[in-house]
PDB file of N, CA and C in Angstrom:
ATOM      1  N   UNK A   1    -134.465 -70.002 -15.570  1.00  0.00           N
ATOM      2  CA  UNK A   1    -134.484 -70.931 -16.681  1.00  0.00           C
ATOM      3  C   UNK A   1    -132.999 -71.468 -17.052  1.00  0.00           C
ATOM      4  N   UNK A   2    -132.643 -72.706 -16.626  1.00  0.00           N
ATOM      5  CA  UNK A   2    -131.352 -73.240 -16.775  1.00  0.00           C
ATOM      6  C   UNK A   2    -131.220 -73.655 -18.303  1.00  0.00           C
ATOM      7  N   UNK A   3    -130.237 -73.384 -18.975  1.00  0.00           N
ATOM      8  CA  UNK A   3    -130.101 -74.031 -20.330  1.00  0.00           C
ATOM      9  C   UNK A   3    -128.630 -74.806 -20.390  1.00  0.00           C
ATOM     10  N   UNK A   4    -128.863 -75.699 -21.083  1.00  0.00           N
ATOM     11  CA  UNK A   4    -127.643 -76.641 -21.251  1.00  0.00           C
ATOM     12  C   UNK A   4    -127.059 -76.528 -22.895  1.00  0.00           C
ATOM     13  N   UNK A   5    -125.837 -76.504 -22.844  1.00  0.00           N
ATOM     14  CA  UNK A   5    -125.449 -76.281 -24.302  1.00  0.00           C
ATOM     15  C   UNK A   5    -124.920 -77.942 -24.644  1.00  0.00           C
ATOM     16  N   UNK A   6    -125.115 -77.684 -25.988  1.00  0.00           N
ATOM     17  CA  UNK A   6    -124.703 -78.956 -26.722  1.00  0.00           C
ATOM     18  C   UNK A   6    -123.071 -79.171 -26.483  1.00  0.00           C
ATOM     19  N   UNK A   7    -122.905 -80.442 -26.455  1.00  0.00           N
ATOM     20  CA  UNK A   7    -121.478 -80.923 -26.397  1.00  0.00           C
ATOM     21  C   UNK A   7    -120.682 -80.497 -27.575  1.00  0.00           C
ATOM     22  N   UNK A   8    -119.599 -80.104 -27.240  1.00  0.00           N
ATOM     23  CA  UNK A   8    -118.621 -79.542 -28.202  1.00  0.00           C
ATOM     24  C   UNK A   8    -118.050 -80.941 -28.999  1.00  0.00           C
ATOM     25  N   UNK A   9    -118.111 -80.751 -30.244  1.00  0.00           N
ATOM     26  CA  UNK A   9    -117.458 -81.626 -31.350  1.00  0.00           C
ATOM     27  C   UNK A   9    -116.214 -81.152 -31.762  1.00  0.00           C
ATOM     28  N   UNK A  10    -115.382 -82.154 -32.146  1.00  0.00           N
ATOM     29  CA  UNK A  10    -113.965 -81.822 -32.675  1.00  0.00           C
ATOM     30  C   UNK A  10    -114.247 -81.538 -34.056  1.00  0.00           C
ATOM     31  N   UNK A  11    -113.179 -80.631 -34.726  1.00  0.00           N
ATOM     32  CA  UNK A  11    -113.392 -80.163 -36.088  1.00  0.00           C
ATOM     33  C   UNK A  11    -113.473 -81.514 -36.861  1.00  0.00           C
ATOM     34  N   UNK A  12    -112.747 -82.519 -36.612  1.00  0.00           N
ATOM     35  CA  UNK A  12    -112.472 -83.672 -37.513  1.00  0.00           C
ATOM     36  C   UNK A  12    -113.795 -84.407 -37.504  1.00  0.00           C
ATOM     37  N   UNK A  13    -114.580 -84.471 -36.453  1.00  0.00           N
ATOM     38  CA  UNK A  13    -116.037 -85.236 -36.273  1.00  0.00           C
ATOM     39  C   UNK A  13    -116.789 -84.226 -37.204  1.00  0.00           C
ATOM     40  N   UNK A  14    -116.814 -83.032 -36.963  1.00  0.00           N
ATOM     41  CA  UNK A  14    -117.670 -82.151 -37.778  1.00  0.00           C
ATOM     42  C   UNK A  14    -117.557 -82.344 -39.408  1.00  0.00           C
ATOM     43  N   UNK A  15    -116.230 -82.290 -39.720  1.00  0.00           N
ATOM     44  CA  UNK A  15    -116.169 -82.392 -41.289  1.00  0.00           C
ATOM     45  C   UNK A  15    -116.426 -83.831 -41.746  1.00  0.00           C
ATOM     46  N   UNK A  16    -116.066 -84.906 -40.920  1.00  0.00           N
ATOM     47  CA  UNK A  16    -116.852 -86.063 -41.388  1.00  0.00           C
ATOM     48  C   UNK A  16    -118.244 -86.349 -41.422  1.00  0.00           C
ATOM     49  N   UNK A  17    -118.865 -85.390 -40.447  1.00  0.00           N
ATOM     50  CA  UNK A  17    -120.153 -85.414 -40.619  1.00  0.00           C
ATOM     51  C   UNK A  17    -120.788 -84.938 -41.890  1.00  0.00           C
ATOM     52  N   UNK A  18    -120.222 -83.747 -42.182  1.00  0.00           N
ATOM     53  CA  UNK A  18    -120.452 -82.850 -43.332  1.00  0.00           C
ATOM     54  C   UNK A  18    -120.145 -83.590 -44.698  1.00  0.00           C
ATOM     55  N   UNK A  19    -119.235 -84.611 -44.707  1.00  0.00           N
ATOM     56  CA  UNK A  19    -118.882 -85.405 -45.679  1.00  0.00           C
ATOM     57  C   UNK A  19    -119.831 -86.198 -45.782  1.00  0.00           C
ATOM     58  N   UNK A  20    -120.382 -86.846 -44.940  1.00  0.00           N
ATOM     59  CA  UNK A  20    -121.387 -87.883 -44.859  1.00  0.00           C
ATOM     60  C   UNK A  20    -122.568 -87.358 -45.262  1.00  0.00           C
ATOM     61  N   UNK A  21    -123.031 -86.046 -44.938  1.00  0.00           N
ATOM     62  CA  UNK A  21    -124.230 -85.578 -45.392  1.00  0.00           C
ATOM     63  C   UNK A  21    -124.210 -85.188 -47.070  1.00  0.00           C
ATOM     64  N   UNK A  22    -122.859 -85.008 -47.403  1.00  0.00           N
ATOM     65  CA  UNK A  22    -122.750 -84.548 -48.660  1.00  0.00           C
ATOM     66  C   UNK A  22    -122.890 -85.885 -49.600  1.00  0.00           C
ATOM     67  N   UNK A  23    -122.451 -86.990 -48.958  1.00  0.00           N
ATOM     68  CA  UNK A  23    -122.534 -88.262 -50.005  1.00  0.00           C
ATOM     69  C   UNK A  23    -124.073 -88.699 -49.830  1.00  0.00           C
ATOM     70  N   UNK A  24    -124.994 -88.182 -48.960  1.00  0.00           N
ATOM     71  CA  UNK A  24    -126.245 -88.563 -48.946  1.00  0.00           C
ATOM     72  C   UNK A  24    -127.217 -87.627 -49.737  1.00  0.00           C
ATOM     73  N   UNK A  25    -126.503 -86.351 -50.378  1.00  0.00           N
ATOM     74  CA  UNK A  25    -127.391 -85.445 -50.697  1.00  0.00           C
ATOM     75  C   UNK A  25    -127.494 -85.359 -52.174  1.00  0.00           C
ATOM     76  N   UNK A  26    -127.886 -86.688 -52.766  1.00  0.00           N
ATOM     77  CA  UNK A  26    -128.303 -86.753 -54.323  1.00  0.00           C
ATOM     78  C   UNK A  26    -129.691 -87.563 -54.043  1.00  0.00           C
ATOM     79  N   UNK A  27    -130.565 -87.064 -55.048  1.00  0.00           N
ATOM     80  CA  UNK A  27    -131.943 -87.718 -55.027  1.00  0.00           C
ATOM     81  C   UNK A  27    -131.676 -89.315 -54.953  1.00  0.00           C
ATOM     82  N   UNK A  28    -130.799 -89.804 -56.006  1.00  0.00           N
ATOM     83  CA  UNK A  28    -130.473 -91.063 -56.269  1.00  0.00           C
ATOM     84  C   UNK A  28    -129.833 -91.882 -55.229  1.00  0.00           C
ATOM     85  N   UNK A  29    -129.008 -91.248 -54.494  1.00  0.00           N
ATOM     86  CA  UNK A  29    -128.387 -91.786 -53.170  1.00  0.00           C
ATOM     87  C   UNK A  29    -129.671 -91.990 -52.227  1.00  0.00           C
ATOM     88  N   UNK A  30    -130.418 -90.942 -52.044  1.00  0.00           N
ATOM     89  CA  UNK A  30    -131.307 -91.024 -51.233  1.00  0.00           C
ATOM     90  C   UNK A  30    -132.177 -92.240 -51.497  1.00  0.00           C
ATOM     91  N   UNK A  31    -132.659 -92.279 -52.882  1.00  0.00           N
ATOM     92  CA  UNK A  31    -133.377 -93.327 -53.175  1.00  0.00           C
ATOM     93  C   UNK A  31    -132.854 -94.811 -53.103  1.00  0.00           C
ATOM     94  N   UNK A  32    -131.371 -94.833 -53.157  1.00  0.00           N
ATOM     95  CA  UNK A  32    -130.783 -96.214 -52.944  1.00  0.00           C
ATOM     96  C   UNK A  32    -130.576 -96.580 -51.369  1.00  0.00           C
ATOM     97  N   UNK A  33    -130.659 -95.465 -50.468  1.00  0.00           N
ATOM     98  CA  UNK A  33    -130.603 -95.858 -49.013  1.00  0.00           C
ATOM     99  C   UNK A  33    -131.937 -96.264 -48.681  1.00  0.00           C
ATOM    100  N   UNK A  34    -133.069 -95.722 -49.144  1.00  0.00           N
ATOM    101  CA  UNK A  34    -134.399 -95.979 -48.897  1.00  0.00           C
ATOM    102  C   UNK A  34    -134.538 -97.515 -49.267  1.00  0.00           C
ATOM    103  N   UNK A  35    -134.033 -97.864 -50.583  1.00  0.00           N
ATOM    104  CA  UNK A  35    -134.219 -99.358 -51.000  1.00  0.00           C
ATOM    105  C   UNK A  35    -133.482-100.286 -50.098  1.00  0.00           C
ATOM    106  N   UNK A  36    -132.210 -99.917 -49.714  1.00  0.00           N
ATOM    107  CA  UNK A  36    -131.489-100.759 -48.820  1.00  0.00           C
ATOM    108  C   UNK A  36    -131.968-100.834 -47.403  1.00  0.00           C
ATOM    109  N   UNK A  37    -132.874 -99.886 -47.028  1.00  0.00           N
ATOM    110  CA  UNK A  37    -133.508-100.135 -45.659  1.00  0.00           C
ATOM    111  C   UNK A  37    -134.204-101.234 -45.689  1.00  0.00           C
ATOM    112  N   UNK A  38    -135.036-101.416 -46.661  1.00  0.00           N
ATOM    113  CA  UNK A  38    -135.723-102.743 -46.758  1.00  0.00           C
ATOM    114  C   UNK A  38    -134.905-104.249 -46.930  1.00  0.00           C
ATOM    115  N   UNK A  39    -133.637-104.022 -47.056  1.00  0.00           N
ATOM    116  CA  UNK A  39    -132.813-105.342 -47.308  1.00  0.00           C
ATOM    117  C   UNK A  39    -131.962-105.133 -48.527  1.00  0.00           C
ATOM    118  N   UNK A  40    -130.939-106.169 -48.394  1.00  0.00           N
ATOM    119  CA  UNK A  40    -129.801-106.132 -49.372  1.00  0.00           C
ATOM    120  C   UNK A  40    -130.066-106.118 -50.716  1.00  0.00           C
ATOM    121  N   UNK A  41    -129.539-105.398 -51.432  1.00  0.00           N
ATOM    122  CA  UNK A  41    -129.867-105.486 -52.998  1.00  0.00           C
ATOM    123  C   UNK A  41    -128.580-105.425 -53.779  1.00  0.00           C
ATOM    124  N   UNK A  42    -128.572-106.400 -54.812  1.00  0.00           N
ATOM    125  CA  UNK A  42    -127.909-106.211 -56.023  1.00  0.00           C
ATOM    126  C   UNK A  42    -128.222-105.053 -56.901  1.00  0.00           C
ATOM    127  N   UNK A  43    -126.831-104.536 -57.837  1.00  0.00           N
ATOM    128  CA  UNK A  43    -127.202-103.377 -58.741  1.00  0.00           C
ATOM    129  C   UNK A  43    -128.204-103.581 -59.512  1.00  0.00           C
ATOM    130  N   UNK A  44    -128.428-104.838 -60.067  1.00  0.00           N
ATOM    131  CA  UNK A  44    -129.767-104.973 -61.210  1.00  0.00           C
ATOM    132  C   UNK A  44    -131.136-104.777 -60.265  1.00  0.00           C
ATOM    133  N   UNK A  45    -131.068-105.121 -59.248  1.00  0.00           N
ATOM    134  CA  UNK A  45    -132.328-104.839 -58.515  1.00  0.00           C
ATOM    135  C   UNK A  45    -132.609-103.263 -58.067  1.00  0.00           C
ATOM    136  N   UNK A  46    -131.664-102.746 -57.963  1.00  0.00           N
ATOM    137  CA  UNK A  46    -131.550-101.199 -57.778  1.00  0.00           C
ATOM    138  C   UNK A  46    -131.925-100.568 -58.960  1.00  0.00           C
ATOM    139  N   UNK A  47    -131.255-101.031 -60.124  1.00  0.00           N
ATOM    140  CA  UNK A  47    -131.737-100.524 -61.499  1.00  0.00           C
ATOM    141  C   UNK A  47    -133.186-100.660 -61.760  1.00  0.00           C
ATOM    142  N   UNK A  48    -133.515-101.906 -61.602  1.00  0.00           N
ATOM    143  CA  UNK A  48    -135.136-102.102 -61.823  1.00  0.00           C
ATOM    144  C   UNK A  48    -135.995-101.189 -60.720  1.00  0.00           C
ATOM    145  N   UNK A  49    -135.820-101.191 -59.479  1.00  0.00           N
ATOM    146  CA  UNK A  49    -136.635-100.422 -58.563  1.00  0.00           C
ATOM    147  C   UNK A  49    -136.700 -98.960 -58.747  1.00  0.00           C
ATOM    148  N   UNK A  50    -135.555 -98.508 -59.081  1.00  0.00           N
ATOM    149  CA  UNK A  50    -135.416 -96.993 -59.131  1.00  0.00           C
ATOM    150  C   UNK A  50    -135.388 -96.395 -60.959  1.00  0.00           C
ATOM    151  N   UNK A  51    -135.617 -97.286 -61.629  1.00  0.00           N
ATOM    152  CA  UNK A  51    -135.632 -97.003 -63.154  1.00  0.00           C
ATOM    153  C   UNK A  51    -134.547 -96.056 -63.475  1.00  0.00           C
ATOM    154  N   UNK A  52    -133.134 -96.430 -62.896  1.00  0.00           N
ATOM    155  CA  UNK A  52    -132.011 -95.587 -63.308  1.00  0.00           C
ATOM    156  C   UNK A  52    -131.070 -96.273 -64.067  1.00  0.00           C
ATOM    157  N   UNK A  53    -130.369 -95.949 -64.883  1.00  0.00           N
ATOM    158  CA  UNK A  53    -129.362 -96.686 -65.721  1.00  0.00           C
ATOM    159  C   UNK A  53    -128.133 -97.294 -64.701  1.00  0.00           C
ATOM    160  N   UNK A  54    -127.720 -98.591 -65.215  1.00  0.00           N
ATOM    161  CA  UNK A  54    -126.757 -99.174 -64.421  1.00  0.00           C
ATOM    162  C   UNK A  54    -125.680 -98.550 -64.097  1.00  0.00           C
ATOM    163  N   UNK A  55    -125.088 -97.782 -64.901  1.00  0.00           N
ATOM    164  CA  UNK A  55    -123.558 -96.952 -64.721  1.00  0.00           C
ATOM    165  C   UNK A  55    -123.787 -95.731 -63.653  1.00  0.00           C
ATOM    166  N   UNK A  56    -125.167 -95.510 -63.857  1.00  0.00           N
ATOM    167  CA  UNK A  56    -125.319 -94.279 -62.731  1.00  0.00           C
ATOM    168  C   UNK A  56    -125.534 -94.810 -61.414  1.00  0.00           C
ATOM    169  N   UNK A  57    -126.232 -95.928 -61.155  1.00  0.00           N
ATOM    170  CA  UNK A  57    -126.579 -96.732 -59.938  1.00  0.00           C
ATOM    171  C   UNK A  57    -125.117 -97.029 -59.556  1.00  0.00           C
ATOM    172  N   UNK A  58    -124.250 -97.600 -60.263  1.00  0.00           N
ATOM    173  CA  UNK A  58    -123.120 -97.875 -59.882  1.00  0.00           C
ATOM    174  C   UNK A  58    -122.125 -96.873 -59.362  1.00  0.00           C
ATOM    175  N   UNK A  59    -122.174 -95.848 -60.109  1.00  0.00           N
ATOM    176  CA  UNK A  59    -121.498 -94.583 -59.564  1.00  0.00           C
ATOM    177  C   UNK A  59    -121.694 -94.185 -58.485  1.00  0.00           C
ATOM    178  N   UNK A  60    -123.105 -94.006 -58.026  1.00  0.00           N
ATOM    179  CA  UNK A  60    -123.788 -93.564 -56.909  1.00  0.00           C
ATOM    180  C   UNK A  60    -123.468 -94.681 -55.700  1.00  0.00           C
ATOM    181  N   UNK A  61    -123.321 -95.843 -55.987  1.00  0.00           N
ATOM    182  CA  UNK A  61    -122.811 -96.854 -54.895  1.00  0.00           C
ATOM    183  C   UNK A  61    -121.621 -96.669 -54.642  1.00  0.00           C
ATOM    184  N   UNK A  62    -120.630 -96.090 -55.378  1.00  0.00           N
ATOM    185  CA  UNK A  62    -119.248 -96.062 -55.274  1.00  0.00           C
ATOM    186  C   UNK A  62    -119.166 -95.028 -54.316  1.00  0.00           C
ATOM    187  N   UNK A  63    -120.001 -93.768 -54.397  1.00  0.00           N
ATOM    188  CA  UNK A  63    -119.860 -92.566 -53.685  1.00  0.00           C
ATOM    189  C   UNK A  63    -120.379 -93.103 -52.323  1.00  0.00           C
ATOM    190  N   UNK A  64    -121.455 -93.619 -52.093  1.00  0.00           N
ATOM    191  CA  UNK A  64    -121.903 -94.440 -50.887  1.00  0.00           C
ATOM    192  C   UNK A  64    -121.145 -95.103 -50.195  1.00  0.00           C
ATOM    193  N   UNK A  65    -120.305 -96.052 -50.943  1.00  0.00           N
ATOM    194  CA  UNK A  65    -119.497 -97.206 -50.372  1.00  0.00           C
ATOM    195  C   UNK A  65    -118.291 -96.242 -49.822  1.00  0.00           C
ATOM    196  N   UNK A  66    -117.660 -95.254 -50.575  1.00  0.00           N
ATOM    197  CA  UNK A  66    -116.486 -94.480 -50.101  1.00  0.00           C
ATOM    198  C   UNK A  66    -116.730 -93.681 -48.778  1.00  0.00           C
ATOM    199  N   UNK A  67    -118.020 -93.228 -48.562  1.00  0.00           N
ATOM    200  CA  UNK A  67    -118.449 -92.441 -47.638  1.00  0.00           C
ATOM    201  C   UNK A  67    -118.859 -93.463 -46.241  1.00  0.00           C
ATOM    202  N   UNK A  68    -118.641 -94.720 -46.590  1.00  0.00           N
ATOM    203  CA  UNK A  68    -118.888 -95.358 -45.387  1.00  0.00           C
ATOM    204  C   UNK A  68    -120.467 -95.609 -45.263  1.00  0.00           C
ATOM    205  N   UNK A  69    -121.401 -95.267 -46.137  1.00  0.00           N
ATOM    206  CA  UNK A  69    -122.873 -95.775 -46.114  1.00  0.00           C
ATOM    207  C   UNK A  69    -123.112 -96.991 -46.289  1.00  0.00           C
ATOM    208  N   UNK A  70    -122.587 -97.539 -47.436  1.00  0.00           N
ATOM    209  CA  UNK A  70    -122.972 -98.926 -47.851  1.00  0.00           C
ATOM    210  C   UNK A  70    -121.773 -99.780 -47.790  1.00  0.00           C
ATOM    211  N   UNK A  71    -122.102-100.960 -47.817  1.00  0.00           N
ATOM    212  CA  UNK A  71    -121.120-102.092 -47.708  1.00  0.00           C
ATOM    213  C   UNK A  71    -121.647-103.347 -48.887  1.00  0.00           C
ATOM    214  N   UNK A  72    -120.619-103.517 -49.738  1.00  0.00           N
ATOM    215  CA  UNK A  72    -120.630-104.694 -50.848  1.00  0.00           C
ATOM    216  C   UNK A  72    -120.142-105.951 -50.555  1.00  0.00           C
ATOM    217  N   UNK A  73    -121.089-106.734 -50.702  1.00  0.00           N
ATOM    218  CA  UNK A  73    -120.157-108.303 -50.563  1.00  0.00           C
ATOM    219  C   UNK A  73    -120.512-109.281 -51.802  1.00  0.00           C
ATOM    220  N   UNK A  74    -119.482-109.669 -52.207  1.00  0.00           N
ATOM    221  CA  UNK A  74    -119.545-110.502 -53.649  1.00  0.00           C
ATOM    222  C   UNK A  74    -120.242-111.823 -53.177  1.00  0.00           C
ATOM    223  N   UNK A  75    -121.201-112.231 -53.847  1.00  0.00           N
ATOM    224  CA  UNK A  75    -121.882-113.575 -54.035  1.00  0.00           C
ATOM    225  C   UNK A  75    -122.054-114.222 -55.131  1.00  0.00           C
ATOM    226  N   UNK A  76    -121.076-115.023 -55.665  1.00  0.00           N
ATOM    227  CA  UNK A  76    -120.833-115.338 -57.017  1.00  0.00           C
ATOM    228  C   UNK A  76    -120.676-114.280 -57.916  1.00  0.00           C
ATOM    229  N   UNK A  77    -121.352-114.176 -58.921  1.00  0.00           N
ATOM    230  CA  UNK A  77    -121.134-113.045 -59.873  1.00  0.00           C
ATOM    231  C   UNK A  77    -121.746-111.747 -59.516  1.00  0.00           C
ATOM    232  N   UNK A  78    -122.463-111.720 -58.383  1.00  0.00           N
ATOM    233  CA  UNK A  78    -123.024-110.387 -57.975  1.00  0.00           C
ATOM    234  C   UNK A  78    -122.508-109.911 -56.719  1.00  0.00           C
ATOM    235  N   UNK A  79    -122.631-108.572 -56.439  1.00  0.00           N
ATOM    236  CA  UNK A  79    -122.243-107.935 -55.325  1.00  0.00           C
ATOM    237  C   UNK A  79    -123.552-107.406 -54.562  1.00  0.00           C
ATOM    238  N   UNK A  80    -123.771-107.771 -53.379  1.00  0.00           N
ATOM    239  CA  UNK A  80    -124.939-107.201 -52.644  1.00  0.00           C
ATOM    240  C   UNK A  80    -124.682-106.192 -51.771  1.00  0.00           C
ATOM    241  N   UNK A  81    -125.249-105.292 -51.927  1.00  0.00           N
ATOM    242  CA  UNK A  81    -124.996-104.083 -51.074  1.00  0.00           C
ATOM    243  C   UNK A  81    -126.201-103.965 -49.902  1.00  0.00           C
ATOM    244  N   UNK A  82    -125.709-103.595 -48.843  1.00  0.00           N
ATOM    245  CA  UNK A  82    -126.434-103.307 -47.764  1.00  0.00           C
ATOM    246  C   UNK A  82    -125.945-102.024 -46.934  1.00  0.00           C
ATOM    247  N   UNK A  83    -127.014-101.482 -46.112  1.00  0.00           N
ATOM    248  CA  UNK A  83    -126.578-100.380 -45.175  1.00  0.00           C
ATOM    249  C   UNK A  83    -125.382-100.871 -44.214  1.00  0.00           C
ATOM    250  N   UNK A  84    -124.494 -99.711 -43.961  1.00  0.00           N
ATOM    251  CA  UNK A  84    -123.410-100.034 -42.767  1.00  0.00           C
ATOM    252  C   UNK A  84    -124.364-100.252 -41.474  1.00  0.00           C
ATOM    253  N   UNK A  85    -125.386 -99.226 -41.235  1.00  0.00           N
ATOM    254  CA  UNK A  85    -125.885 -99.180 -40.111  1.00  0.00           C
ATOM    255  C   UNK A  85    -127.181 -98.648 -39.996  1.00  0.00           C
ATOM    256  N   UNK A  86    -128.149 -98.878 -39.155  1.00  0.00           N
ATOM    257  CA  UNK A  86    -129.548 -98.054 -39.228  1.00  0.00           C
ATOM    258  C   UNK A  86    -129.467 -96.633 -39.092  1.00  0.00           C
ATOM    259  N   UNK A  87    -128.584 -95.880 -38.372  1.00  0.00           N
ATOM    260  CA  UNK A  87    -128.229 -94.516 -38.240  1.00  0.00           C
ATOM    261  C   UNK A  87    -128.589 -93.964 -39.421  1.00  0.00           C
ATOM    262  N   UNK A  88    -127.800 -94.284 -40.522  1.00  0.00           N
ATOM    263  CA  UNK A  88    -127.831 -93.675 -41.887  1.00  0.00           C
ATOM    264  C   UNK A  88    -129.359 -93.766 -42.442  1.00  0.00           C
ATOM    265  N   UNK A  89    -130.087 -94.846 -42.284  1.00  0.00           N
ATOM    266  CA  UNK A  89    -131.520 -95.102 -42.916  1.00  0.00           C
ATOM    267  C   UNK A  89    -132.374 -93.945 -42.016  1.00  0.00           C
ATOM    268  N   UNK A  90    -132.064 -93.786 -40.920  1.00  0.00           N
ATOM    269  CA  UNK A  90    -132.843 -92.993 -40.072  1.00  0.00           C
ATOM    270  C   UNK A  90    -132.640 -91.410 -40.512  1.00  0.00           C
ATOM    271  N   UNK A  91    -131.371 -91.086 -40.857  1.00  0.00           N
ATOM    272  CA  UNK A  91    -131.084 -89.674 -41.357  1.00  0.00           C
ATOM    273  C   UNK A  91    -131.986 -89.547 -42.661  1.00  0.00           C
ATOM    274  N   UNK A  92    -131.915 -90.358 -43.534  1.00  0.00           N
ATOM    275  CA  UNK A  92    -132.523 -90.165 -44.774  1.00  0.00           C
ATOM    276  C   UNK A  92    -134.034 -90.232 -44.706  1.00  0.00           C
ATOM    277  N   UNK A  93    -134.685 -91.176 -43.818  1.00  0.00           N
ATOM    278  CA  UNK A  93    -136.215 -91.296 -43.514  1.00  0.00           C
ATOM    279  C   UNK A  93    -136.388 -89.953 -42.899  1.00  0.00           C
ATOM    280  N   UNK A  94    -136.063 -89.405 -42.072  1.00  0.00           N
ATOM    281  CA  UNK A  94    -136.253 -88.315 -41.189  1.00  0.00           C
ATOM    282  C   UNK A  94    -136.478 -87.073 -42.254  1.00  0.00           C
ATOM    283  N   UNK A  95    -135.471 -87.124 -43.289  1.00  0.00           N
ATOM    284  CA  UNK A  95    -135.245 -85.712 -43.886  1.00  0.00           C
ATOM    285  C   UNK A  95    -136.557 -85.980 -45.103  1.00  0.00           C
ATOM    286  N   UNK A  96    -136.780 -87.308 -45.280  1.00  0.00           N
ATOM    287  CA  UNK A  96    -137.670 -87.292 -46.381  1.00  0.00           C
ATOM    288  C   UNK A  96    -139.209 -87.186 -45.536  1.00  0.00           C
ATOM    289  N   UNK A  97    -139.366 -87.806 -44.478  1.00  0.00           N
ATOM    290  CA  UNK A  97    -140.509 -87.306 -43.670  1.00  0.00           C
ATOM    291  C   UNK A  97    -140.844 -86.046 -43.524  1.00  0.00           C
ATOM    292  N   UNK A  98    -139.803 -85.231 -43.332  1.00  0.00           N
ATOM    293  CA  UNK A  98    -139.763 -83.625 -43.001  1.00  0.00           C
ATOM    294  C   UNK A  98    -140.326 -82.887 -44.287  1.00  0.00           C
ATOM    295  N   UNK A  99    -140.006 -83.425 -45.343  1.00  0.00           N
ATOM    296  CA  UNK A  99    -140.247 -82.592 -46.445  1.00  0.00           C
ATOM    297  C   UNK A  99    -141.709 -83.061 -46.799  1.00  0.00           C
ATOM    298  N   UNK A 100    -142.036 -84.487 -46.718  1.00  0.00           N
ATOM    299  CA  UNK A 100    -143.476 -84.955 -47.046  1.00  0.00           C
ATOM    300  C   UNK A 100    -144.336 -84.118 -46.075  1.00  0.00           C
ATOM    301  N   UNK A 101    -144.182 -83.841 -44.683  1.00  0.00           N
ATOM    302  CA  UNK A 101    -144.963 -83.254 -43.629  1.00  0.00           C
ATOM    303  C   UNK A 101    -145.036 -81.484 -44.035  1.00  0.00           C
ATOM    304  N   UNK A 102    -144.449 -81.201 -45.043  1.00  0.00           N
ATOM    305  CA  UNK A 102    -144.344 -79.665 -45.276  1.00  0.00           C
ATOM    306  C   UNK A 102    -143.198 -79.037 -44.781  1.00  0.00           C
ATOM    307  N   UNK A 103    -142.407 -79.489 -44.074  1.00  0.00           N
ATOM    308  CA  UNK A 103    -141.251 -78.703 -43.463  1.00  0.00           C
ATOM    309  C   UNK A 103    -140.258 -78.139 -44.318  1.00  0.00           C
ATOM    310  N   UNK A 104    -140.287 -78.513 -45.541  1.00  0.00           N
ATOM    311  CA  UNK A 104    -139.204 -77.928 -46.528  1.00  0.00           C
ATOM    312  C   UNK A 104    -140.218 -77.766 -47.803  1.00  0.00           C
ATOM    313  N   UNK A 105    -141.314 -77.726 -47.662  1.00  0.00           N
ATOM    314  CA  UNK A 105    -142.400 -77.725 -48.964  1.00  0.00           C
ATOM    315  C   UNK A 105    -142.010 -76.392 -49.781  1.00  0.00           C
ATOM    316  N   UNK A 106    -141.845 -75.377 -49.333  1.00  0.00           N
ATOM    317  CA  UNK A 106    -141.482 -74.215 -49.885  1.00  0.00           C
ATOM    318  C   UNK A 106    -140.333 -74.313 -50.794  1.00  0.00           C
ATOM    319  N   UNK A 107    -139.239 -74.787 -50.039  1.00  0.00           N
ATOM    320  CA  UNK A 107    -137.951 -74.985 -50.952  1.00  0.00           C
ATOM    321  C   UNK A 107    -138.113 -76.048 -51.873  1.00  0.00           C
ATOM    322  N   UNK A 108    -138.865 -77.171 -51.692  1.00  0.00           N
ATOM    323  CA  UNK A 108    -138.818 -78.116 -52.823  1.00  0.00           C
ATOM    324  C   UNK A 108    -139.685 -77.704 -53.878  1.00  0.00           C
ATOM    325  N   UNK A 109    -140.980 -76.961 -53.718  1.00  0.00           N
ATOM    326  CA  UNK A 109    -141.702 -76.349 -54.906  1.00  0.00           C
ATOM    327  C   UNK A 109    -140.892 -75.498 -55.613  1.00  0.00           C
ATOM    328  N   UNK A 110    -139.978 -74.676 -55.046  1.00  0.00           N
ATOM    329  CA  UNK A 110    -139.416 -73.853 -55.715  1.00  0.00           C
ATOM    330  C   UNK A 110    -138.504 -74.468 -56.652  1.00  0.00           C
ATOM    331  N   UNK A 111    -137.635 -75.566 -56.105  1.00  0.00           N
ATOM    332  CA  UNK A 111    -136.842 -76.362 -56.987  1.00  0.00           C
ATOM    333  C   UNK A 111    -137.695 -76.897 -58.236  1.00  0.00           C
ATOM    334  N   UNK A 112    -138.610 -77.356 -57.960  1.00  0.00           N
ATOM    335  CA  UNK A 112    -139.683 -78.049 -59.001  1.00  0.00           C
ATOM    336  C   UNK A 112    -139.854 -77.001 -60.124  1.00  0.00           C
ATOM    337  N   UNK A 113    -140.362 -75.792 -59.780  1.00  0.00           N
ATOM    338  CA  UNK A 113    -140.526 -74.856 -60.706  1.00  0.00           C
ATOM    339  C   UNK A 113    -139.349 -74.497 -61.457  1.00  0.00           C
ATOM    340  N   UNK A 114    -138.184 -74.460 -61.075  1.00  0.00           N
ATOM    341  CA  UNK A 114    -137.056 -73.981 -61.695  1.00  0.00           C
ATOM    342  C   UNK A 114    -136.719 -74.903 -62.984  1.00  0.00           C
TER     343      UNK A 114
END
C-alpha cells in the first residue's frame, strides 16, 4: 500500500496559518465572518445582527482586518466590511458544521458546563 506524504510547508507559512486561525478563534469573530459570508455589512448592521456592543464589534473587526480576513471600504460616513475571500468563510463554516454534527460535541458541552 503506497502512501503519499503531505507537502512540506515553510515555517513562515505555518506561522501565518496559525496567526490566521488565532484571529478566527473567538465566538464573536466567527459570528462576524458568518454574517459577512452573506454580504457586506457596516458596523451598526453587525451590532444589530449579533446583539453585541459597538465597541466590541469594532475591536473584533480590527483583529480580523489586521489578520487579512476582512477589508473595510468607506462609503460616505460608514465603512462597509467584507470578507477578503471565500476560503476564510469555508474554514469557519466547516468548523461550525463539524461542531453541529457532533464532531466536537463533548468539548463544547464541557465548556458550556464550566
